[in-house]
C-alpha atoms as a PDB file:
ATOM      1  CA  MET A   1      -5.406  13.050 -22.935  1.00  0.00           C
ATOM      2  CA  THR A   2      -3.390  14.036 -25.963  1.00  0.00           C
ATOM      3  CA  PHE A   3      -3.817  12.514 -29.398  1.00  0.00           C
ATOM      4  CA  CYS A   4      -0.655  10.415 -28.960  1.00  0.00           C
ATOM      5  CA  GLN A   5      -1.797   9.113 -25.558  1.00  0.00           C
ATOM      6  CA  ALA A   6      -5.234   8.257 -26.976  1.00  0.00           C
ATOM      7  CA  ASP A   7      -3.622   6.185 -29.725  1.00  0.00           C
ATOM      8  CA  MET A   8      -1.543   4.311 -27.152  1.00  0.00           C
ATOM      9  CA  VAL A   9      -4.685   3.461 -25.170  1.00  0.00           C
ATOM     10  CA  PHE A  10      -7.274   2.864 -27.903  1.00  0.00           C
ATOM     11  CA  LYS A  11      -5.072   1.556 -30.725  1.00  0.00           C
ATOM     12  CA  ALA A  12      -2.619  -0.748 -28.979  1.00  0.00           C
ATOM     13  CA  ARG A  13      -1.186  -3.480 -31.159  1.00  0.00           C
ATOM     14  CA  LEU A  14       0.097  -6.862 -30.021  1.00  0.00           C
ATOM     15  CA  ASN A  15       1.533  -7.573 -33.448  1.00  0.00           C
ATOM     16  CA  PRO A  16       2.209  -4.633 -35.802  1.00  0.00           C
ATOM     17  CA  ASP A  17       1.516  -6.799 -38.865  1.00  0.00           C
ATOM     18  CA  ASP A  18      -1.843  -8.044 -37.521  1.00  0.00           C
ATOM     19  CA  GLY A  19      -3.811  -4.847 -38.212  1.00  0.00           C
ATOM     20  CA  ARG A  20      -6.124  -5.333 -35.216  1.00  0.00           C
ATOM     21  CA  ASP A  21      -6.392  -2.641 -32.544  1.00  0.00           C
ATOM     22  CA  TRP A  22      -6.789  -3.392 -28.851  1.00  0.00           C
ATOM     23  CA  LEU A  23      -7.915  -1.336 -25.892  1.00  0.00           C
ATOM     24  CA  ARG A  24      -5.169  -0.972 -23.277  1.00  0.00           C
ATOM     25  CA  THR A  25      -7.211  -1.099 -20.032  1.00  0.00           C
ATOM     26  CA  GLY A  26      -4.364  -1.025 -17.520  1.00  0.00           C
ATOM     27  CA  ASP A  27      -5.427  -4.340 -16.015  1.00  0.00           C
ATOM     28  CA  LEU A  28      -2.850  -7.024 -15.278  1.00  0.00           C
ATOM     29  CA  GLY A  29      -3.579 -10.714 -15.573  1.00  0.00           C
ATOM     30  CA  VAL A  30      -2.140 -14.143 -15.998  1.00  0.00           C
ATOM     31  CA  LEU A  31      -3.070 -16.761 -18.572  1.00  0.00           C
ATOM     32  CA  TYR A  32      -3.181 -20.125 -16.818  1.00  0.00           C
ATOM     33  CA  GLU A  33      -4.342 -23.336 -18.542  1.00  0.00           C
ATOM     34  CA  GLY A  34      -6.227 -21.346 -21.166  1.00  0.00           C
ATOM     35  CA  GLU A  35      -8.062 -19.137 -18.649  1.00  0.00           C
ATOM     36  CA  LEU A  36      -7.339 -15.454 -18.034  1.00  0.00           C
ATOM     37  CA  TYR A  37      -7.200 -14.386 -14.373  1.00  0.00           C
ATOM     38  CA  PRO A  38      -7.076 -10.667 -13.519  1.00  0.00           C
ATOM     39  CA  THR A  39      -4.422  -9.961 -10.876  1.00  0.00           C
ATOM     40  CA  GLY A  40      -4.419  -6.183 -10.446  1.00  0.00           C
ATOM     41  CA  ARG A  41      -3.886  -2.788 -12.058  1.00  0.00           C
ATOM     42  CA  LEU A  42      -0.739  -1.625 -13.802  1.00  0.00           C
ATOM     43  CA  LYS A  43      -0.833   1.788 -12.087  1.00  0.00           C
ATOM     44  CA  GLU A  44      -0.890   0.097  -8.635  1.00  0.00           C
ATOM     45  CA  LEU A  45       2.076  -2.188  -9.349  1.00  0.00           C
ATOM     46  CA  ILE A  46       4.935  -1.720  -6.877  1.00  0.00           C
ATOM     47  CA  ILE A  47       8.447  -2.301  -8.240  1.00  0.00           C
ATOM     48  CA  VAL A  48      11.094  -2.763  -5.543  1.00  0.00           C
ATOM     49  CA  ARG A  49      14.646  -3.476  -6.739  1.00  0.00           C
ATOM     50  CA  GLY A  50      13.368  -4.878 -10.022  1.00  0.00           C
ATOM     51  CA  ARG A  51      10.724  -7.123  -8.450  1.00  0.00           C
ATOM     52  CA  ASN A  52       7.053  -6.602  -9.324  1.00  0.00           C
ATOM     53  CA  LEU A  53       4.755  -6.694  -6.287  1.00  0.00           C
ATOM     54  CA  LEU A  54       0.982  -6.445  -6.259  1.00  0.00           C
ATOM     55  CA  PRO A  55      -0.633  -4.509  -3.398  1.00  0.00           C
ATOM     56  CA  HIS A  56      -2.891  -7.365  -2.310  1.00  0.00           C
ATOM     57  CA  ASP A  57       0.156  -9.658  -1.963  1.00  0.00           C
ATOM     58  CA  ILE A  58       1.555  -7.186   0.568  1.00  0.00           C
ATOM     59  CA  GLU A  59      -1.770  -6.494   2.290  1.00  0.00           C
ATOM     60  CA  ALA A  60      -2.691 -10.152   2.863  1.00  0.00           C
ATOM     61  CA  PRO A  61      -0.040 -10.925   5.526  1.00  0.00           C
ATOM     62  CA  VAL A  62      -0.565  -7.529   7.193  1.00  0.00           C
ATOM     63  CA  ARG A  63      -4.306  -8.188   7.478  1.00  0.00           C
ATOM     64  CA  THR A  64      -3.612 -11.152   9.775  1.00  0.00           C
ATOM     65  CA  CYS A  65      -0.529  -9.859  11.620  1.00  0.00           C
ATOM     66  CA  HIS A  66      -2.493  -8.475  14.604  1.00  0.00           C
ATOM     67  CA  ALA A  67      -6.084  -8.656  15.858  1.00  0.00           C
ATOM     68  CA  ALA A  68      -6.233  -4.840  16.074  1.00  0.00           C
ATOM     69  CA  VAL A  69      -5.991  -4.406  12.262  1.00  0.00           C
ATOM     70  CA  ARG A  70      -9.407  -3.323  10.986  1.00  0.00           C
ATOM     71  CA  PRO A  71     -10.754  -5.482   8.125  1.00  0.00           C
ATOM     72  CA  GLY A  72     -10.892  -3.455   4.916  1.00  0.00           C
ATOM     73  CA  GLY A  73      -8.783  -0.688   6.407  1.00  0.00           C
ATOM     74  CA  LEU A  74      -5.485  -1.375   4.729  1.00  0.00           C
ATOM     75  CA  ALA A  75      -3.619   0.029   1.719  1.00  0.00           C
ATOM     76  CA  ALA A  76      -0.232  -0.863   0.241  1.00  0.00           C
ATOM     77  CA  PHE A  77       1.353   1.269  -2.463  1.00  0.00           C
ATOM     78  CA  GLY A  78       4.703   2.281  -3.894  1.00  0.00           C
ATOM     79  CA  ILE A  79       6.483   5.416  -2.721  1.00  0.00           C
ATOM     80  CA  ASP A  80       9.598   6.987  -4.161  1.00  0.00           C
ATOM     81  CA  ALA A  81      12.428   7.064  -1.663  1.00  0.00           C
ATOM     82  CA  SER A  82      15.026   9.796  -1.480  1.00  0.00           C
ATOM     83  CA  THR A  83      17.490   7.315  -3.003  1.00  0.00           C
ATOM     84  CA  GLY A  84      15.484   7.209  -6.237  1.00  0.00           C
ATOM     85  CA  THR A  85      14.189   3.667  -5.732  1.00  0.00           C
ATOM     86  CA  GLU A  86      10.604   2.712  -4.977  1.00  0.00           C
ATOM     87  CA  GLN A  87       9.679   1.495  -1.491  1.00  0.00           C
ATOM     88  CA  ILE A  88       6.562  -0.007   0.038  1.00  0.00           C
ATOM     89  CA  GLY A  89       4.151   2.309   1.835  1.00  0.00           C
ATOM     90  CA  LEU A  90       1.427   1.023   4.169  1.00  0.00           C
ATOM     91  CA  CYS A  91      -1.620   2.653   5.733  1.00  0.00           C
ATOM     92  CA  ILE A  92      -3.354   0.615   8.412  1.00  0.00           C
ATOM     93  CA  GLU A  93      -6.618   1.340  10.199  1.00  0.00           C
ATOM     94  CA  LEU A  94      -7.132  -0.026  13.708  1.00  0.00           C
ATOM     95  CA  ARG A  95     -10.327  -1.396  15.202  1.00  0.00           C
ATOM     96  CA  PRO A  96     -12.031   1.022  17.607  1.00  0.00           C
ATOM     97  CA  GLY A  97     -10.589   0.864  21.120  1.00  0.00           C
ATOM     98  CA  THR A  98      -7.244  -0.646  20.058  1.00  0.00           C
ATOM     99  CA  GLU A  99      -5.214   2.554  19.687  1.00  0.00           C
ATOM    100  CA  GLN A 100      -2.778   1.388  22.374  1.00  0.00           C
ATOM    101  CA  TYR A 101      -1.561  -1.335  19.991  1.00  0.00           C
ATOM    102  CA  ALA A 102      -0.553   1.065  17.195  1.00  0.00           C
ATOM    103  CA  GLU A 103       3.200   0.650  17.671  1.00  0.00           C
ATOM    104  CA  GLN A 104       2.885  -3.127  18.019  1.00  0.00           C
ATOM    105  CA  VAL A 105       0.761  -3.299  14.844  1.00  0.00           C
ATOM    106  CA  ALA A 106       3.346  -1.255  12.914  1.00  0.00           C
ATOM    107  CA  GLU A 107       6.199  -3.501  14.041  1.00  0.00           C
ATOM    108  CA  ARG A 108       4.291  -6.694  13.224  1.00  0.00           C
ATOM    109  CA  ALA A 109       3.218  -5.279   9.855  1.00  0.00           C
ATOM    110  CA  CYS A 110       6.858  -4.552   8.958  1.00  0.00           C
ATOM    111  CA  LEU A 111       7.816  -8.069   9.982  1.00  0.00           C
ATOM    112  CA  ALA A 112       4.894  -9.648   8.069  1.00  0.00           C
ATOM    113  CA  VAL A 113       5.744  -7.763   4.871  1.00  0.00           C
ATOM    114  CA  HIS A 114       9.429  -8.635   5.208  1.00  0.00           C
ATOM    115  CA  ARG A 115       8.595 -12.337   5.599  1.00  0.00           C
ATOM    116  CA  ALA A 116       6.119 -12.332   2.704  1.00  0.00           C
ATOM    117  CA  VAL A 117       7.993 -10.389   0.026  1.00  0.00           C
ATOM    118  CA  GLY A 118      11.536  -9.994   1.358  1.00  0.00           C
ATOM    119  CA  PHE A 119      11.404  -6.183   1.660  1.00  0.00           C
ATOM    120  CA  ARG A 120      10.460  -4.025   4.602  1.00  0.00           C
ATOM    121  CA  PRO A 121       8.089  -1.078   4.131  1.00  0.00           C
ATOM    122  CA  GLY A 122       9.656   2.359   3.864  1.00  0.00           C
ATOM    123  CA  LYS A 123       6.735   4.107   5.598  1.00  0.00           C
ATOM    124  CA  VAL A 124       3.862   2.881   7.739  1.00  0.00           C
ATOM    125  CA  VAL A 125       0.964   5.025   8.955  1.00  0.00           C
ATOM    126  CA  VAL A 126      -1.327   3.553  11.604  1.00  0.00           C
ATOM    127  CA  GLY A 127      -4.536   5.303  12.599  1.00  0.00           C
ATOM    128  CA  PRO A 128      -8.267   5.055  13.316  1.00  0.00           C
ATOM    129  CA  LYS A 129     -11.147   4.161  11.013  1.00  0.00           C
ATOM    130  CA  GLY A 130     -11.342   6.644   8.153  1.00  0.00           C
ATOM    131  CA  LEU A 131      -7.581   6.917   7.678  1.00  0.00           C
ATOM    132  CA  VAL A 132      -7.591   4.953   4.394  1.00  0.00           C
ATOM    133  CA  PRO A 133      -9.567   6.748   1.631  1.00  0.00           C
ATOM    134  CA  LYS A 134     -12.236   4.662  -0.112  1.00  0.00           C
ATOM    135  CA  THR A 135     -14.740   4.953  -2.925  1.00  0.00           C
ATOM    136  CA  THR A 136     -18.459   5.157  -2.188  1.00  0.00           C
ATOM    137  CA  SER A 137     -18.638   1.414  -2.835  1.00  0.00           C
ATOM    138  CA  GLY A 138     -15.897   0.709  -0.268  1.00  0.00           C
ATOM    139  CA  LYS A 139     -12.924   0.054  -2.559  1.00  0.00           C
ATOM    140  CA  VAL A 140      -9.574   1.296  -1.276  1.00  0.00           C
ATOM    141  CA  LYS A 141      -8.164   4.301  -3.168  1.00  0.00           C
ATOM    142  CA  ARG A 142      -4.496   3.293  -3.070  1.00  0.00           C
ATOM    143  CA  LEU A 143      -3.225   6.057  -5.335  1.00  0.00           C
ATOM    144  CA  GLN A 144      -5.069   8.742  -3.364  1.00  0.00           C
ATOM    145  CA  CYS A 145      -3.752   7.208  -0.137  1.00  0.00           C
ATOM    146  CA  ARG A 146      -0.226   7.371  -1.555  1.00  0.00           C
ATOM    147  CA  GLN A 147      -0.644  10.997  -2.613  1.00  0.00           C
ATOM    148  CA  GLN A 148      -2.034  11.989   0.793  1.00  0.00           C
ATOM    149  CA  LEU A 149       0.879  10.296   2.544  1.00  0.00           C
ATOM    150  CA  LEU A 150       3.377  12.153   0.360  1.00  0.00           C
ATOM    151  CA  ASP A 151       1.750  15.580   0.813  1.00  0.00           C
ATOM    152  CA  GLY A 152       1.205  15.077   4.564  1.00  0.00           C
ATOM    153  CA  SER A 153      -2.595  15.268   4.563  1.00  0.00           C
ATOM    154  CA  LEU A 154      -3.061  11.582   5.376  1.00  0.00           C
ATOM    155  CA  THR A 155      -1.711  12.001   8.890  1.00  0.00           C
ATOM    156  CA  ARG A 156      -4.553  14.361   9.767  1.00  0.00           C
ATOM    157  CA  HIS A 157      -7.536  12.271  10.869  1.00  0.00           C
ATOM    158  CA  ARG A 158     -10.455  12.892   8.537  1.00  0.00           C
ATOM    159  CA  GLY A 159     -13.945  12.669   9.945  1.00  0.00           C
ATOM    160  CA  SER A 160     -12.908  13.880  13.375  1.00  0.00           C
ATOM    161  CA  THR A 161     -15.707  16.449  13.495  1.00  0.00           C
ATOM    162  CA  ALA A 162     -18.318  13.750  12.895  1.00  0.00           C
ATOM    163  CA  THR A 163     -17.017  11.600  15.737  1.00  0.00           C
ATOM    164  CA  GLY A 164     -16.451  14.520  18.100  1.00  0.00           C
ATOM    165  CA  HIS A 165     -12.786  13.665  18.620  1.00  0.00           C
ATOM    166  CA  ARG A 166     -10.185  16.390  18.346  1.00  0.00           C
ATOM    167  CA  PRO A 167      -7.559  15.345  15.777  1.00  0.00           C
ATOM    168  CA  LEU A 168      -4.034  15.046  17.110  1.00  0.00           C
ATOM    169  CA  PRO A 169      -0.957  15.554  14.952  1.00  0.00           C
ATOM    170  CA  ALA A 170       0.837  12.437  13.843  1.00  0.00           C
ATOM    171  CA  THR A 171       3.859  11.532  15.874  1.00  0.00           C
ATOM    172  CA  ARG A 172       6.947  10.051  14.370  1.00  0.00           C
ATOM    173  CA  VAL A 173       8.348   7.022  16.100  1.00  0.00           C
ATOM    174  CA  GLU A 174      12.098   6.625  15.806  1.00  0.00           C
ATOM    175  CA  PRO A 175      13.042   3.447  13.933  1.00  0.00           C
ATOM    176  CA  ARG A 176      14.224   0.631  16.156  1.00  0.00           C
ATOM    177  CA  ALA A 177      16.354  -2.338  15.181  1.00  0.00           C
ATOM    178  CA  TYR A 178      14.655  -5.708  15.170  1.00  0.00           C
ATOM    179  CA  ALA A 179      15.684  -9.220  14.291  1.00  0.00           C
ATOM    180  CA  THR A 180      13.556 -11.800  12.510  1.00  0.00           C
ATOM    181  CA  PRO A 181      13.944 -15.557  12.264  1.00  0.00           C
ATOM    182  CA  ALA A 182      14.291 -15.124   8.514  1.00  0.00           C
ATOM    183  CA  ASN A 183      17.455 -13.040   8.783  1.00  0.00           C
ATOM    184  CA  CYS A 184      19.267 -15.329  11.230  1.00  0.00           C
ATOM    185  CA  GLY A 185      19.891 -12.702  13.855  1.00  0.00           C
ATOM    186  CA  ARG A 186      21.081  -9.906  11.572  1.00  0.00           C
ATOM    187  CA  ARG A 187      19.718  -6.549  12.692  1.00  0.00           C
ATOM    188  CA  HIS A 188      17.532  -4.389  10.456  1.00  0.00           C
ATOM    189  CA  GLN A 189      16.045  -0.944  10.983  1.00  0.00           C
ATOM    190  CA  ALA A 190      12.294  -0.892  11.458  1.00  0.00           C
ATOM    191  CA  CYS A 191      10.301   1.179   9.015  1.00  0.00           C
ATOM    192  CA  ASP A 192       9.375   4.833   9.384  1.00  0.00           C
ATOM    193  CA  CYS A 193       6.131   4.658  11.382  1.00  0.00           C
ATOM    194  CA  ARG A 194       3.574   7.360  12.083  1.00  0.00           C
ATOM    195  CA  PHE A 195       0.552   7.146  14.357  1.00  0.00           C
ATOM    196  CA  THR A 196      -2.440   9.445  14.136  1.00  0.00           C
ATOM    197  CA  PHE A 197      -5.356   9.617  16.560  1.00  0.00           C
END
């Protein structure tokens, strides 16, 4: 951290004339009826076409879109598209023994996100337990998940030697058009989906 960056973090000022310094933590929150409620982290904020989206607002509908989605095995994050705009990226872990539903889970996840926030994900990766990186305490590492998706290492199943399964390369599923009740019959391309087992 350079001297200038340190000042921005440790000596933030709400009012230049106040003289008081504040610590810029990177946390986001909302002040409601005199109470402060934390809502997320600034570095995890996803901005799609000027709209601010929090990862847990995207993950919540995906969590319930299909019974095969593993609880706690879900990460939403922003990815830069080739067009220069940010898109939604999703990584979804499946419950053991439900690998045959991977394509169905990806399609329902795209639909659930579209209904909830009005945008479809740009990329979806569906795989087994261990696909989504976590801290030792079980918190999802969204930024690491994003980086691994972008550099291609996420599609290789980690932990395969411990389970005895031979990792298979991810396969790309060609996007298919689908219609939702929300778009009144207009056709949209499904998101870029990858499955790894």
